[in-house]
Amino acid sequence: MRYSDVFVPGGFPRHTYNPRATRKLEERLAEVADNLCKLATVTGHTKSGKTVLVRNAYPPEEAV
C-alpha cells in the first residue's frame, strides 16, 4: 500500500476511516435525509473527522 492511498487530502480515507458504531453517528446523520424538515449541524474540534463523517453519510456524487 502506498502512502498516497492512505493520506488523501480532500478525499475519503478508505483505509483509515474509523466508523462510530457505538455512537451511531452515521445512522443518526443519515436519518436527516428521510425528513425534509430537519437540519443537521456537525461540530467538533479541528481534524476530528467531521467532513469525513458527513461524506460517509452523504457521498458527494449522491448529494445535491
Protein backbone atom coordinates (compact mmCIF):
# COMPACT_ATOMS: atom_id res chain seq x y z
CA MET A 1 0.00 0.00 0.00
CA ARG A 2 1.28 3.45 -0.87
CA TYR A 3 1.07 6.48 1.41
CA SER A 4 -0.98 8.27 -1.25
CA ASP A 5 -3.64 5.56 -0.84
CA VAL A 6 -3.89 6.26 2.91
CA PHE A 7 -3.45 10.05 3.09
CA VAL A 8 -5.83 11.55 0.57
CA PRO A 9 -6.09 15.33 1.07
CA GLY A 10 -9.66 16.36 0.36
CA GLY A 11 -10.66 12.77 -0.32
CA PHE A 12 -12.25 9.93 1.61
CA PRO A 13 -9.82 7.82 3.69
CA ARG A 14 -10.95 4.31 2.64
CA HIS A 15 -8.25 2.51 4.62
CA THR A 16 -8.24 4.59 7.79
CA TYR A 17 -11.90 5.55 8.26
CA ASN A 18 -12.99 4.97 11.85
CA PRO A 19 -16.71 4.16 11.96
CA ARG A 20 -18.50 5.43 15.05
CA ALA A 21 -20.69 2.36 15.57
CA THR A 22 -21.13 2.77 19.33
CA ARG A 23 -22.38 6.34 18.97
CA LYS A 24 -24.41 5.59 15.81
CA LEU A 25 -23.40 8.93 14.33
CA GLU A 26 -23.56 7.71 10.74
CA GLU A 27 -27.06 6.34 11.27
CA ARG A 28 -28.33 9.46 13.02
CA LEU A 29 -26.88 11.71 10.33
CA ALA A 30 -28.39 9.59 7.54
CA GLU A 31 -31.84 9.83 9.19
CA VAL A 32 -31.88 13.56 8.42
CA ALA A 33 -32.30 12.73 4.72
CA ASP A 34 -35.61 10.98 5.48
CA ASN A 35 -37.13 14.12 6.98
CA LEU A 36 -37.25 17.17 4.72
CA CYS A 37 -37.91 19.45 7.72
CA LYS A 38 -34.72 18.50 9.58
CA LEU A 39 -31.39 20.27 9.59
CA ALA A 40 -28.22 18.73 10.97
CA THR A 41 -25.23 20.61 12.33
CA VAL A 42 -21.95 18.78 12.81
CA THR A 43 -19.50 20.44 15.18
CA GLY A 44 -16.23 19.44 16.76
CA HIS A 45 -12.54 20.11 17.06
CA THR A 46 -10.32 20.64 14.06
CA LYS A 47 -9.24 17.37 12.43
CA SER A 48 -11.81 15.33 14.38
CA GLY A 49 -13.36 13.84 11.22
CA LYS A 50 -16.45 15.99 10.70
CA THR A 51 -16.13 16.25 6.93
CA VAL A 52 -15.32 12.57 6.55
CA LEU A 53 -18.32 11.64 8.69
CA VAL A 54 -20.68 13.72 6.54
CA ARG A 55 -19.16 12.46 3.28
CA ASN A 56 -19.63 8.91 4.52
CA ALA A 57 -23.34 9.52 5.19
CA TYR A 58 -23.81 11.67 2.06
CA PRO A 59 -21.34 10.74 -0.70
CA PRO A 60 -20.61 13.80 -2.89
CA GLU A 61 -21.76 12.00 -6.04
CA GLU A 62 -25.19 11.44 -4.47
CA ALA A 63 -25.58 14.76 -2.65
CA VAL A 64 -27.25 17.88 -4.02
